[in-house]
Amino acid sequence: MGSKVGTEKISREDGYLYYIGKDGFVWASPMKHNKKGRKKKVGGEKISKEKGFMYYIGKDGFVYKAKMKHA
């Protein structure tokens, strides 16, 4: 559905939520059931965001973007 944006592969850990922050880097934030986890920057690659696109990390670990319908 989306097109691949990043070239860096992100390895995931259980108990973390992954997202692209305002600074353009991939961050991992602990979920509610992960009591010992801390928020941390995961990737070293900076993603330049465009307006009207949603950015996410696919199952293969790369960053993708998809056009939003009503943006």
Protein backbone atom coordinates (compact mmCIF):
# COMPACT_ATOMS: atom_id res chain seq x y z
CA MET A 1 0.00 0.00 0.00
CA GLY A 2 2.73 2.46 0.92
CA SER A 3 6.08 3.26 -0.62
CA LYS A 4 9.37 2.57 1.14
CA VAL A 5 11.08 5.73 2.37
CA GLY A 6 13.92 4.63 4.65
CA THR A 7 16.93 2.44 3.93
CA GLU A 8 17.69 1.53 7.55
CA LYS A 9 16.11 -1.63 8.97
CA ILE A 10 14.64 -1.23 12.47
CA SER A 11 14.73 -4.27 14.75
CA ARG A 12 11.72 -4.38 17.05
CA GLU A 13 11.50 -5.41 20.69
CA ASP A 14 8.38 -6.65 22.46
CA GLY A 15 6.65 -4.12 24.72
CA TYR A 16 7.50 -1.01 22.67
CA LEU A 17 5.51 1.23 20.34
CA TYR A 18 7.51 2.56 17.37
CA TYR A 19 6.85 5.88 15.63
CA ILE A 20 8.54 8.65 13.64
CA GLY A 21 8.94 11.71 15.85
CA LYS A 22 8.74 15.38 14.96
CA ASP A 23 12.52 15.43 14.58
CA GLY A 24 12.33 12.80 11.80
CA PHE A 25 13.97 9.93 13.71
CA VAL A 26 12.40 6.61 14.72
CA TRP A 27 11.58 6.40 18.44
CA ALA A 28 10.55 3.51 20.68
CA SER A 29 8.21 4.25 23.57
CA PRO A 30 7.29 1.62 26.18
CA MET A 31 3.72 0.32 26.24
CA LYS A 32 1.68 0.42 29.43
CA HIS A 33 2.51 -3.17 30.43
CA ASN A 34 6.27 -2.54 29.97
CA LYS A 35 7.11 -1.05 33.40
CA LYS A 36 10.92 -1.02 33.10
CA GLY A 37 11.16 0.42 29.56
CA ARG A 38 12.33 3.93 28.71
CA LYS A 39 11.71 6.10 25.65
CA LYS A 40 14.67 5.87 23.27
CA LYS A 41 15.77 6.88 19.79
CA VAL A 42 16.13 3.73 17.69
CA GLY A 43 17.24 4.70 14.19
CA GLY A 44 20.06 6.92 13.02
CA GLU A 45 18.43 7.81 9.71
CA LYS A 46 16.44 11.06 9.49
CA ILE A 47 13.16 10.86 7.56
CA SER A 48 11.94 14.06 5.88
CA LYS A 49 8.18 14.21 6.28
CA GLU A 50 5.72 15.56 3.70
CA LYS A 51 2.31 16.99 4.47
CA GLY A 52 -0.61 14.68 3.67
CA PHE A 53 1.29 11.43 4.27
CA MET A 54 1.21 8.94 7.13
CA TYR A 55 4.51 7.34 8.10
CA TYR A 56 4.81 3.90 9.68
CA ILE A 57 7.22 1.02 10.20
CA GLY A 58 6.32 -2.08 8.19
CA LYS A 59 6.56 -5.70 9.26
CA ASP A 60 9.93 -5.98 7.51
CA GLY A 61 11.36 -3.15 9.66
CA PHE A 62 11.61 -0.37 7.07
CA VAL A 63 9.86 3.03 7.15
CA TYR A 64 6.99 3.49 4.69
CA LYS A 65 4.68 6.36 3.75
CA ALA A 66 1.08 6.25 2.58
CA LYS A 67 -1.10 9.06 1.26
CA MET A 68 -3.96 10.00 3.58
CA LYS A 69 -7.38 10.26 1.94
CA HIS A 70 -8.67 13.50 3.45
CA ALA A 71 -5.52 15.45 4.16
